[in-house]
Amino acid sequence: MTSWDAVIRGLLMEARRAAGGASALAAALKDAGVGPESGAYSESAVSNWIKGRTRPPADVVLASAALYSLSLDQPLGVTEPAAKVELPQTPEGDEVGELRAAVTRLETLVNARISPRGGPMDAPAVKDIVAVYSTREETQAAMPLVRTLAAADRADVMGLSLNAVCQGISDVTLAELIENGLHLRCLFLDPDGTSIRAREDEEGMPAGHLAELTRTNMHALLRLTDQLSPQAVERLQIRTYDETLRFNITIVDGYRAIVQPYLHDARGLDSPTLVIEANEHEPHGLFPIFGHVFTQAWDAGHDVHA
């Protein structure tokens, strides 16, 4: 089944192509009475919707579909014909009233697609969660970290030994990404602290096993600085923290978080993963929470230098 986000990005991409560009699409939306309080969406706002960095308002989606005769039903797998919304036209002949009234139908359709089988959810959904995977392996298969970093300007990573970065990406590739502009902040669990010893006990690991793995990964990143230009070296920052291990967090460009909880008796590889995206329409979602978790730990952390 095609994901809702992919359908919306595809529809807006088609609308941009039909309009003749992002600016032209924003102007068409404004003429249809769809836009922010300032009057018109910016070209960068349209670009961010298509890239999946932010989610467009429902009236933008509906207006884009109506303006360029694009269908939402087929990509979403809707086989039954939708009931037409019958509303009077305004004297000027625009369709804003009909578009806004159709938002209700769109939201009903989306909720039906994401609700568990057997009935609607008893509790409201956390709308900034865009994907859930059973394990880190499933996450990597769906969205490889190297591709995520290759498309990013900034990435903040915290956890235990950060194997996904230090062992999952080659030194040559990681150096190239940083040299080409990636800002990377890595926050390791302190290999000399008390929290890592507690985690070794939880996982049933021999004393010192996780600490040594963490030191090895830290040294690999520190060694990487020898391959970087002086300007690129400034874009790689390494710190340690000594707190109870709760989450592995990767935050990309300040809008997408990939989060895994550390379970009591399971390795990080075996933990479920949440993909969360910042949503200006959901200020009480999960993204701000995990952004705060990283920021708090980073600010309290200790710099590591070669």
C-alpha atoms as a PDB file:
ATOM      1  CA  MET A   1       0.000   0.000   0.000  1.00  0.00           C
ATOM      2  CA  THR A   2       1.365   3.446  -0.910  1.00  0.00           C
ATOM      3  CA  SER A   3       1.910   5.590   2.163  1.00  0.00           C
ATOM      4  CA  TRP A   4      -0.168   8.710   2.709  1.00  0.00           C
ATOM      5  CA  ASP A   5       2.934  10.932   2.741  1.00  0.00           C
ATOM      6  CA  ALA A   6       4.149   9.480  -0.567  1.00  0.00           C
ATOM      7  CA  VAL A   7       0.733  10.082  -2.163  1.00  0.00           C
ATOM      8  CA  ILE A   8       0.695  13.714  -1.056  1.00  0.00           C
ATOM      9  CA  ARG A   9       4.266  14.360  -2.205  1.00  0.00           C
ATOM     10  CA  GLY A  10       3.484  12.787  -5.565  1.00  0.00           C
ATOM     11  CA  LEU A  11       0.311  14.826  -5.998  1.00  0.00           C
ATOM     12  CA  LEU A  12       2.054  18.106  -5.152  1.00  0.00           C
ATOM     13  CA  MET A  13       4.918  17.236  -7.485  1.00  0.00           C
ATOM     14  CA  GLU A  14       2.397  16.745 -10.302  1.00  0.00           C
ATOM     15  CA  ALA A  15       0.666  20.004  -9.375  1.00  0.00           C
ATOM     16  CA  ARG A  16       3.993  21.872  -9.416  1.00  0.00           C
ATOM     17  CA  ARG A  17       4.788  20.423 -12.842  1.00  0.00           C
ATOM     18  CA  ALA A  18       1.347  21.343 -14.170  1.00  0.00           C
ATOM     19  CA  ALA A  19       1.575  24.868 -12.757  1.00  0.00           C
ATOM     20  CA  GLY A  20       5.028  25.440 -14.230  1.00  0.00           C
ATOM     21  CA  GLY A  21       6.976  25.680 -10.989  1.00  0.00           C
ATOM     22  CA  ALA A  22       6.706  26.105  -7.235  1.00  0.00           C
ATOM     23  CA  SER A  23       6.135  29.875  -7.412  1.00  0.00           C
ATOM     24  CA  ALA A  24       3.397  29.417  -9.988  1.00  0.00           C
ATOM     25  CA  LEU A  25       1.702  26.770  -7.830  1.00  0.00           C
ATOM     26  CA  ALA A  26       1.834  29.060  -4.781  1.00  0.00           C
ATOM     27  CA  ALA A  27       0.320  31.879  -6.862  1.00  0.00           C
ATOM     28  CA  ALA A  28      -2.455  29.593  -8.119  1.00  0.00           C
ATOM     29  CA  LEU A  29      -3.266  28.551  -4.568  1.00  0.00           C
ATOM     30  CA  LYS A  30      -3.408  32.203  -3.521  1.00  0.00           C
ATOM     31  CA  ASP A  31      -5.784  33.002  -6.397  1.00  0.00           C
ATOM     32  CA  ALA A  32      -7.995  30.136  -5.182  1.00  0.00           C
ATOM     33  CA  GLY A  33      -8.098  31.678  -1.720  1.00  0.00           C
ATOM     34  CA  VAL A  34      -5.748  29.106  -0.172  1.00  0.00           C
ATOM     35  CA  GLY A  35      -2.765  30.447   1.711  1.00  0.00           C
ATOM     36  CA  PRO A  36      -1.358  31.582   5.045  1.00  0.00           C
ATOM     37  CA  GLU A  37      -2.312  34.819   6.732  1.00  0.00           C
ATOM     38  CA  SER A  38       0.512  36.544   4.842  1.00  0.00           C
ATOM     39  CA  GLY A  39      -1.341  35.845   1.605  1.00  0.00           C
ATOM     40  CA  ALA A  40       0.736  33.291  -0.295  1.00  0.00           C
ATOM     41  CA  TYR A  41       2.957  30.323   0.437  1.00  0.00           C
ATOM     42  CA  SER A  42       6.628  30.692  -0.398  1.00  0.00           C
ATOM     43  CA  GLU A  43       8.501  28.679  -3.014  1.00  0.00           C
ATOM     44  CA  SER A  44      10.514  27.041  -0.224  1.00  0.00           C
ATOM     45  CA  ALA A  45       7.288  25.976   1.547  1.00  0.00           C
ATOM     46  CA  VAL A  46       6.152  24.187  -1.610  1.00  0.00           C
ATOM     47  CA  SER A  47       9.585  22.591  -1.966  1.00  0.00           C
ATOM     48  CA  ASN A  48       9.539  21.395   1.654  1.00  0.00           C
ATOM     49  CA  TRP A  49       6.125  19.773   1.161  1.00  0.00           C
ATOM     50  CA  ILE A  50       7.360  17.870  -1.874  1.00  0.00           C
ATOM     51  CA  LYS A  51      10.576  16.798  -0.152  1.00  0.00           C
ATOM     52  CA  GLY A  52       8.592  15.584   2.859  1.00  0.00           C
ATOM     53  CA  ARG A  53      10.226  18.014   5.283  1.00  0.00           C
ATOM     54  CA  THR A  54       6.895  19.472   6.337  1.00  0.00           C
ATOM     55  CA  ARG A  55       3.289  18.455   5.815  1.00  0.00           C
ATOM     56  CA  PRO A  56       0.988  20.667   3.770  1.00  0.00           C
ATOM     57  CA  PRO A  57      -2.390  21.774   5.152  1.00  0.00           C
ATOM     58  CA  ALA A  58      -5.345  19.739   3.934  1.00  0.00           C
ATOM     59  CA  ASP A  59      -6.804  22.644   1.927  1.00  0.00           C
ATOM     60  CA  VAL A  60      -3.532  22.907  -0.015  1.00  0.00           C
ATOM     61  CA  VAL A  61      -3.794  19.251  -0.987  1.00  0.00           C
ATOM     62  CA  LEU A  62      -7.427  19.530  -2.005  1.00  0.00           C
ATOM     63  CA  ALA A  63      -6.912  22.788  -3.890  1.00  0.00           C
ATOM     64  CA  SER A  64      -3.918  21.388  -5.792  1.00  0.00           C
ATOM     65  CA  ALA A  65      -5.919  18.327  -6.778  1.00  0.00           C
ATOM     66  CA  ALA A  66      -8.901  20.419  -7.898  1.00  0.00           C
ATOM     67  CA  LEU A  67      -6.876  23.037  -9.777  1.00  0.00           C
ATOM     68  CA  TYR A  68      -5.054  20.499 -11.920  1.00  0.00           C
ATOM     69  CA  SER A  69      -7.620  17.653 -12.012  1.00  0.00           C
ATOM     70  CA  LEU A  70      -5.454  15.277  -9.998  1.00  0.00           C
ATOM     71  CA  SER A  71      -6.942  12.260  -8.194  1.00  0.00           C
ATOM     72  CA  LEU A  72      -6.290  11.203  -4.626  1.00  0.00           C
ATOM     73  CA  ASP A  73      -8.545   8.156  -4.748  1.00  0.00           C
ATOM     74  CA  GLN A  74      -6.498   5.966  -7.080  1.00  0.00           C
ATOM     75  CA  PRO A  75      -3.116   6.335  -5.285  1.00  0.00           C
ATOM     76  CA  LEU A  76      -4.851   5.697  -1.955  1.00  0.00           C
ATOM     77  CA  GLY A  77      -6.482   2.537  -3.280  1.00  0.00           C
ATOM     78  CA  VAL A  78     -10.042   3.825  -2.996  1.00  0.00           C
ATOM     79  CA  THR A  79     -12.177   1.709  -5.311  1.00  0.00           C
ATOM     80  CA  GLU A  80     -15.651   3.005  -4.485  1.00  0.00           C
ATOM     81  CA  PRO A  81     -16.676   6.284  -6.099  1.00  0.00           C
ATOM     82  CA  ALA A  82     -16.628   9.136  -3.639  1.00  0.00           C
ATOM     83  CA  ALA A  83     -19.784  11.053  -2.898  1.00  0.00           C
ATOM     84  CA  LYS A  84     -19.709  14.454  -4.515  1.00  0.00           C
ATOM     85  CA  VAL A  85     -19.881  17.419  -2.212  1.00  0.00           C
ATOM     86  CA  GLU A  86     -22.732  19.626  -3.401  1.00  0.00           C
ATOM     87  CA  LEU A  87     -22.224  23.209  -2.319  1.00  0.00           C
ATOM     88  CA  PRO A  88     -23.327  26.479  -3.898  1.00  0.00           C
ATOM     89  CA  GLN A  89     -20.695  28.479  -5.777  1.00  0.00           C
ATOM     90  CA  THR A  90     -19.736  31.919  -4.576  1.00  0.00           C
ATOM     91  CA  PRO A  91     -20.722  34.843  -6.795  1.00  0.00           C
ATOM     92  CA  GLU A  92     -17.151  35.022  -8.126  1.00  0.00           C
ATOM     93  CA  GLY A  93     -17.322  31.341  -9.080  1.00  0.00           C
ATOM     94  CA  ASP A  94     -14.397  30.152  -6.952  1.00  0.00           C
ATOM     95  CA  GLU A  95     -14.441  26.737  -5.313  1.00  0.00           C
ATOM     96  CA  VAL A  96     -12.978  27.598  -1.928  1.00  0.00           C
ATOM     97  CA  GLY A  97     -16.170  26.706  -0.065  1.00  0.00           C
ATOM     98  CA  GLU A  98     -16.327  23.309  -1.690  1.00  0.00           C
ATOM     99  CA  LEU A  99     -12.643  22.654  -1.057  1.00  0.00           C
ATOM    100  CA  ARG A 100     -12.840  23.540   2.591  1.00  0.00           C
ATOM    101  CA  ALA A 101     -15.972  21.462   3.103  1.00  0.00           C
ATOM    102  CA  ALA A 102     -14.225  18.487   1.507  1.00  0.00           C
ATOM    103  CA  VAL A 103     -11.538  18.593   4.197  1.00  0.00           C
ATOM    104  CA  THR A 104     -13.884  16.621   6.433  1.00  0.00           C
ATOM    105  CA  ARG A 105     -14.161  13.848   3.859  1.00  0.00           C
ATOM    106  CA  LEU A 106     -10.377  13.790   3.404  1.00  0.00           C
ATOM    107  CA  GLU A 107      -9.704  13.539   7.136  1.00  0.00           C
ATOM    108  CA  THR A 108     -12.278  10.752   7.466  1.00  0.00           C
ATOM    109  CA  LEU A 109     -10.590   8.846   4.657  1.00  0.00           C
ATOM    110  CA  VAL A 110      -7.120   9.242   6.155  1.00  0.00           C
ATOM    111  CA  ASN A 111      -8.256   8.185   9.618  1.00  0.00           C
ATOM    112  CA  ALA A 112      -9.892   5.113   8.125  1.00  0.00           C
ATOM    113  CA  ARG A 113      -6.653   4.204   6.343  1.00  0.00           C
ATOM    114  CA  ILE A 114      -4.417   4.507   9.415  1.00  0.00           C
ATOM    115  CA  SER A 115      -6.741   3.119  12.089  1.00  0.00           C
ATOM    116  CA  PRO A 116      -6.280  -0.513  13.177  1.00  0.00           C
ATOM    117  CA  ARG A 117      -8.677  -3.034  11.689  1.00  0.00           C
ATOM    118  CA  GLY A 118     -11.694  -3.716  13.784  1.00  0.00           C
ATOM    119  CA  GLY A 119     -12.703  -0.146  14.505  1.00  0.00           C
ATOM    120  CA  PRO A 120     -11.450   3.359  15.158  1.00  0.00           C
ATOM    121  CA  MET A 121      -8.727   4.020  17.670  1.00  0.00           C
ATOM    122  CA  ASP A 122      -9.907   4.683  21.182  1.00  0.00           C
ATOM    123  CA  ALA A 123      -7.278   7.370  21.748  1.00  0.00           C
ATOM    124  CA  PRO A 124      -6.241  10.237  19.450  1.00  0.00           C
ATOM    125  CA  ALA A 125      -3.312   9.402  17.167  1.00  0.00           C
ATOM    126  CA  VAL A 126       0.034  11.149  17.597  1.00  0.00           C
ATOM    127  CA  LYS A 127       0.037  12.727  14.185  1.00  0.00           C
ATOM    128  CA  ASP A 128       3.745  13.486  13.863  1.00  0.00           C
ATOM    129  CA  ILE A 129       4.641   9.766  13.847  1.00  0.00           C
ATOM    130  CA  VAL A 130       4.995   8.946  10.154  1.00  0.00           C
ATOM    131  CA  ALA A 131       6.319   5.359  10.326  1.00  0.00           C
ATOM    132  CA  VAL A 132       6.920   2.519  12.799  1.00  0.00           C
ATOM    133  CA  TYR A 133       9.332  -0.402  12.294  1.00  0.00           C
ATOM    134  CA  SER A 134       9.803  -3.527  14.392  1.00  0.00           C
ATOM    135  CA  THR A 135      13.613  -3.482  14.413  1.00  0.00           C
ATOM    136  CA  ARG A 136      16.570  -1.346  13.405  1.00  0.00           C
ATOM    137  CA  GLU A 137      17.180  -3.733  10.515  1.00  0.00           C
ATOM    138  CA  GLU A 138      13.727  -2.992   9.091  1.00  0.00           C
ATOM    139  CA  THR A 139      14.384   0.717   9.474  1.00  0.00           C
ATOM    140  CA  GLN A 140      17.705   0.492   7.642  1.00  0.00           C
ATOM    141  CA  ALA A 141      16.099  -1.470   4.820  1.00  0.00           C
ATOM    142  CA  ALA A 142      13.356   1.129   4.398  1.00  0.00           C
ATOM    143  CA  MET A 143      15.502   4.243   4.870  1.00  0.00           C
ATOM    144  CA  PRO A 144      19.272   3.537   4.876  1.00  0.00           C
ATOM    145  CA  LEU A 145      21.144   5.909   7.157  1.00  0.00           C
ATOM    146  CA  VAL A 146      23.814   6.666   4.556  1.00  0.00           C
ATOM    147  CA  ARG A 147      21.127   7.937   2.167  1.00  0.00           C
ATOM    148  CA  THR A 148      19.511   9.953   4.923  1.00  0.00           C
ATOM    149  CA  LEU A 149      22.819  11.636   5.780  1.00  0.00           C
ATOM    150  CA  ALA A 150      23.694  12.170   2.122  1.00  0.00           C
ATOM    151  CA  ALA A 151      20.569  14.303   1.717  1.00  0.00           C
ATOM    152  CA  ALA A 152      21.035  16.176   5.009  1.00  0.00           C
ATOM    153  CA  ASP A 153      22.745  19.385   6.038  1.00  0.00           C
ATOM    154  CA  ARG A 154      22.822  18.513   9.747  1.00  0.00           C
ATOM    155  CA  ALA A 155      22.461  15.350  11.806  1.00  0.00           C
ATOM    156  CA  ASP A 156      22.436  14.880  15.586  1.00  0.00           C
ATOM    157  CA  VAL A 157      22.964  11.328  16.821  1.00  0.00           C
ATOM    158  CA  MET A 158      22.878   9.988  20.387  1.00  0.00           C
ATOM    159  CA  GLY A 159      22.731   6.536  21.917  1.00  0.00           C
ATOM    160  CA  LEU A 160      25.208   3.987  23.176  1.00  0.00           C
ATOM    161  CA  SER A 161      28.023   3.105  20.751  1.00  0.00           C
ATOM    162  CA  LEU A 162      26.448   4.633  17.607  1.00  0.00           C
ATOM    163  CA  ASN A 163      27.209   1.546  15.517  1.00  0.00           C
ATOM    164  CA  ALA A 164      24.923   2.657  12.684  1.00  0.00           C
ATOM    165  CA  VAL A 165      27.181   5.643  12.035  1.00  0.00           C
ATOM    166  CA  CYS A 166      30.580   4.286  13.020  1.00  0.00           C
ATOM    167  CA  GLN A 167      30.309   0.761  11.613  1.00  0.00           C
ATOM    168  CA  GLY A 168      27.437   1.022   9.145  1.00  0.00           C
ATOM    169  CA  ILE A 169      29.059   3.778   7.049  1.00  0.00           C
ATOM    170  CA  SER A 170      32.613   3.547   5.727  1.00  0.00           C
ATOM    171  CA  ASP A 171      35.237   6.087   6.794  1.00  0.00           C
ATOM    172  CA  VAL A 172      35.641   7.234   3.206  1.00  0.00           C
ATOM    173  CA  THR A 173      31.908   7.861   2.749  1.00  0.00           C
ATOM    174  CA  LEU A 174      31.481   9.576   6.098  1.00  0.00           C
ATOM    175  CA  ALA A 175      34.497  11.812   5.443  1.00  0.00           C
ATOM    176  CA  GLU A 176      33.088  12.715   2.033  1.00  0.00           C
ATOM    177  CA  LEU A 177      29.689  13.611   3.533  1.00  0.00           C
ATOM    178  CA  ILE A 178      31.271  15.885   6.141  1.00  0.00           C
ATOM    179  CA  GLU A 179      33.654  17.408   3.606  1.00  0.00           C
ATOM    180  CA  ASN A 180      30.672  18.208   1.385  1.00  0.00           C
ATOM    181  CA  GLY A 181      28.901  20.125   4.142  1.00  0.00           C
ATOM    182  CA  LEU A 182      27.253  17.702   6.567  1.00  0.00           C
ATOM    183  CA  HIS A 183      27.317  18.942  10.180  1.00  0.00           C
ATOM    184  CA  LEU A 184      27.452  15.852  12.414  1.00  0.00           C
ATOM    185  CA  ARG A 185      27.104  15.826  16.203  1.00  0.00           C
ATOM    186  CA  CYS A 186      27.666  12.437  17.868  1.00  0.00           C
ATOM    187  CA  LEU A 187      26.809  11.855  21.526  1.00  0.00           C
ATOM    188  CA  PHE A 188      28.166   8.583  22.951  1.00  0.00           C
ATOM    189  CA  LEU A 189      27.379   6.986  26.291  1.00  0.00           C
ATOM    190  CA  ASP A 190      30.500   7.615  28.357  1.00  0.00           C
ATOM    191  CA  PRO A 191      32.635   4.422  28.215  1.00  0.00           C
ATOM    192  CA  ASP A 192      34.139   5.350  31.603  1.00  0.00           C
ATOM    193  CA  GLY A 193      30.822   6.186  33.271  1.00  0.00           C
ATOM    194  CA  THR A 194      28.472   4.251  35.511  1.00  0.00           C
ATOM    195  CA  SER A 195      25.546   4.155  33.073  1.00  0.00           C
ATOM    196  CA  ILE A 196      27.340   2.003  30.529  1.00  0.00           C
ATOM    197  CA  ARG A 197      28.167  -0.562  33.215  1.00  0.00           C
ATOM    198  CA  ALA A 198      24.489  -0.666  34.148  1.00  0.00           C
ATOM    199  CA  ARG A 199      23.604  -1.254  30.504  1.00  0.00           C
ATOM    200  CA  GLU A 200      26.105  -4.119  30.282  1.00  0.00           C
ATOM    201  CA  ASP A 201      24.314  -5.741  33.201  1.00  0.00           C
ATOM    202  CA  GLU A 202      20.917  -5.255  31.516  1.00  0.00           C
ATOM    203  CA  GLU A 203      22.081  -6.882  28.278  1.00  0.00           C
ATOM    204  CA  GLY A 204      23.956  -9.639  30.102  1.00  0.00           C
ATOM    205  CA  MET A 205      27.243  -8.545  28.532  1.00  0.00           C
ATOM    206  CA  PRO A 206      30.667  -9.192  30.081  1.00  0.00           C
ATOM    207  CA  ALA A 207      31.979  -6.249  32.082  1.00  0.00           C
ATOM    208  CA  GLY A 208      33.734  -3.777  29.811  1.00  0.00           C
ATOM    209  CA  HIS A 209      32.345  -5.194  26.530  1.00  0.00           C
ATOM    210  CA  LEU A 210      30.119  -2.249  25.595  1.00  0.00           C
ATOM    211  CA  ALA A 211      32.628   0.228  26.973  1.00  0.00           C
ATOM    212  CA  GLU A 212      35.355  -1.134  24.699  1.00  0.00           C
ATOM    213  CA  LEU A 213      33.049  -1.111  21.672  1.00  0.00           C
ATOM    214  CA  THR A 214      32.161   2.507  22.399  1.00  0.00           C
ATOM    215  CA  ARG A 215      35.821   3.516  22.709  1.00  0.00           C
ATOM    216  CA  THR A 216      36.574   1.811  19.392  1.00  0.00           C
ATOM    217  CA  ASN A 217      33.800   3.719  17.631  1.00  0.00           C
ATOM    218  CA  MET A 218      34.820   7.019  19.205  1.00  0.00           C
ATOM    219  CA  HIS A 219      38.416   6.497  18.118  1.00  0.00           C
ATOM    220  CA  ALA A 220      37.241   5.711  14.584  1.00  0.00           C
ATOM    221  CA  LEU A 221      35.519   9.101  14.401  1.00  0.00           C
ATOM    222  CA  LEU A 222      38.482  10.876  15.947  1.00  0.00           C
ATOM    223  CA  ARG A 223      40.772   9.215  13.413  1.00  0.00           C
ATOM    224  CA  LEU A 224      38.475  10.514  10.699  1.00  0.00           C
ATOM    225  CA  THR A 225      39.501  14.067  11.504  1.00  0.00           C
ATOM    226  CA  ASP A 226      42.936  13.318   9.999  1.00  0.00           C
ATOM    227  CA  GLN A 227      41.240  12.948   6.602  1.00  0.00           C
ATOM    228  CA  LEU A 228      39.245  16.161   6.817  1.00  0.00           C
ATOM    229  CA  SER A 229      40.110  19.710   5.840  1.00  0.00           C
ATOM    230  CA  PRO A 230      40.335  22.242   8.684  1.00  0.00           C
ATOM    231  CA  GLN A 231      36.916  23.627   7.720  1.00  0.00           C
ATOM    232  CA  ALA A 232      35.324  20.173   7.673  1.00  0.00           C
ATOM    233  CA  VAL A 233      36.825  19.235  11.040  1.00  0.00           C
ATOM    234  CA  GLU A 234      34.703  21.973  12.595  1.00  0.00           C
ATOM    235  CA  ARG A 235      31.589  20.214  11.272  1.00  0.00           C
ATOM    236  CA  LEU A 236      32.259  17.021  13.267  1.00  0.00           C
ATOM    237  CA  GLN A 237      31.592  17.265  17.001  1.00  0.00           C
ATOM    238  CA  ILE A 238      31.872  14.407  19.512  1.00  0.00           C
ATOM    239  CA  ARG A 239      30.683  14.377  23.118  1.00  0.00           C
ATOM    240  CA  THR A 240      29.915  11.832  25.829  1.00  0.00           C
ATOM    241  CA  TYR A 241      27.156  11.731  28.405  1.00  0.00           C
ATOM    242  CA  ASP A 242      26.622   9.611  31.495  1.00  0.00           C
ATOM    243  CA  GLU A 243      22.893   9.181  32.011  1.00  0.00           C
ATOM    244  CA  THR A 244      20.539   6.211  32.157  1.00  0.00           C
ATOM    245  CA  LEU A 245      20.331   4.870  28.604  1.00  0.00           C
ATOM    246  CA  ARG A 246      16.794   5.360  27.325  1.00  0.00           C
ATOM    247  CA  PHE A 247      16.804   6.219  23.614  1.00  0.00           C
ATOM    248  CA  ASN A 248      18.815   6.045  20.448  1.00  0.00           C
ATOM    249  CA  ILE A 249      17.957   9.265  18.607  1.00  0.00           C
ATOM    250  CA  THR A 250      18.908  10.583  15.186  1.00  0.00           C
ATOM    251  CA  ILE A 251      17.603  14.043  14.285  1.00  0.00           C
ATOM    252  CA  VAL A 252      18.001  15.149  10.683  1.00  0.00           C
ATOM    253  CA  ASP A 253      17.874  18.808   9.641  1.00  0.00           C
ATOM    254  CA  GLY A 254      15.780  19.671  12.665  1.00  0.00           C
ATOM    255  CA  TYR A 255      12.603  18.159  11.254  1.00  0.00           C
ATOM    256  CA  ARG A 256      12.866  14.349  11.279  1.00  0.00           C
ATOM    257  CA  ALA A 257      13.680  12.131  14.283  1.00  0.00           C
ATOM    258  CA  ILE A 258      14.420   8.410  14.154  1.00  0.00           C
ATOM    259  CA  VAL A 259      13.941   7.070  17.682  1.00  0.00           C
ATOM    260  CA  GLN A 260      14.500   3.684  19.318  1.00  0.00           C
ATOM    261  CA  PRO A 261      13.871   2.888  22.979  1.00  0.00           C
ATOM    262  CA  TYR A 262      16.446   0.732  24.747  1.00  0.00           C
ATOM    263  CA  LEU A 263      14.570  -2.261  26.129  1.00  0.00           C
ATOM    264  CA  HIS A 264      15.612  -3.935  29.364  1.00  0.00           C
ATOM    265  CA  ASP A 265      16.892  -7.236  27.996  1.00  0.00           C
ATOM    266  CA  ALA A 266      17.289  -6.621  24.258  1.00  0.00           C
ATOM    267  CA  ARG A 267      20.008  -5.152  22.104  1.00  0.00           C
ATOM    268  CA  GLY A 268      19.345  -1.905  20.279  1.00  0.00           C
ATOM    269  CA  LEU A 269      19.168  -3.824  16.998  1.00  0.00           C
ATOM    270  CA  ASP A 270      16.042  -5.587  18.230  1.00  0.00           C
ATOM    271  CA  SER A 271      14.118  -2.540  19.418  1.00  0.00           C
ATOM    272  CA  PRO A 272      11.157  -0.978  17.581  1.00  0.00           C
ATOM    273  CA  THR A 273      11.760   2.301  15.765  1.00  0.00           C
ATOM    274  CA  LEU A 274       9.616   5.409  15.398  1.00  0.00           C
ATOM    275  CA  VAL A 275      10.046   7.896  12.557  1.00  0.00           C
ATOM    276  CA  ILE A 276       8.757  11.283  13.661  1.00  0.00           C
ATOM    277  CA  GLU A 277       8.534  14.491  11.646  1.00  0.00           C
ATOM    278  CA  ALA A 278       8.068  18.010  12.921  1.00  0.00           C
ATOM    279  CA  ASN A 279       4.567  19.255  12.170  1.00  0.00           C
ATOM    280  CA  GLU A 280       3.710  22.885  12.780  1.00  0.00           C
ATOM    281  CA  HIS A 281       0.069  21.875  13.095  1.00  0.00           C
ATOM    282  CA  GLU A 282       0.903  19.398  15.880  1.00  0.00           C
ATOM    283  CA  PRO A 283       2.953  21.446  18.401  1.00  0.00           C
ATOM    284  CA  HIS A 284       2.242  18.884  21.141  1.00  0.00           C
ATOM    285  CA  GLY A 285       3.524  15.892  19.173  1.00  0.00           C
ATOM    286  CA  LEU A 286       6.553  13.754  19.945  1.00  0.00           C
ATOM    287  CA  PHE A 287       9.153  15.564  17.843  1.00  0.00           C
ATOM    288  CA  PRO A 288       9.688  18.458  20.293  1.00  0.00           C
ATOM    289  CA  ILE A 289      10.038  15.956  23.143  1.00  0.00           C
ATOM    290  CA  PHE A 290      12.880  13.998  21.558  1.00  0.00           C
ATOM    291  CA  GLY A 291      14.491  17.183  20.303  1.00  0.00           C
ATOM    292  CA  HIS A 292      14.602  18.328  23.920  1.00  0.00           C
ATOM    293  CA  VAL A 293      16.034  14.972  25.064  1.00  0.00           C
ATOM    294  CA  PHE A 294      18.965  15.343  22.671  1.00  0.00           C
ATOM    295  CA  THR A 295      19.561  19.023  23.411  1.00  0.00           C
ATOM    296  CA  GLN A 296      19.539  18.492  27.162  1.00  0.00           C
ATOM    297  CA  ALA A 297      21.996  15.582  26.987  1.00  0.00           C
ATOM    298  CA  TRP A 298      24.244  17.384  24.493  1.00  0.00           C
ATOM    299  CA  ASP A 299      24.423  20.551  26.573  1.00  0.00           C
ATOM    300  CA  ALA A 300      25.386  18.504  29.651  1.00  0.00           C
ATOM    301  CA  GLY A 301      27.885  16.364  27.727  1.00  0.00           C
ATOM    302  CA  HIS A 302      31.682  16.511  27.611  1.00  0.00           C
ATOM    303  CA  ASP A 303      33.675  17.257  24.482  1.00  0.00           C
ATOM    304  CA  VAL A 304      35.963  14.565  23.109  1.00  0.00           C
ATOM    305  CA  HIS A 305      39.059  15.600  21.146  1.00  0.00           C
ATOM    306  CA  ALA A 306      41.756  13.686  19.338  1.00  0.00           C
END
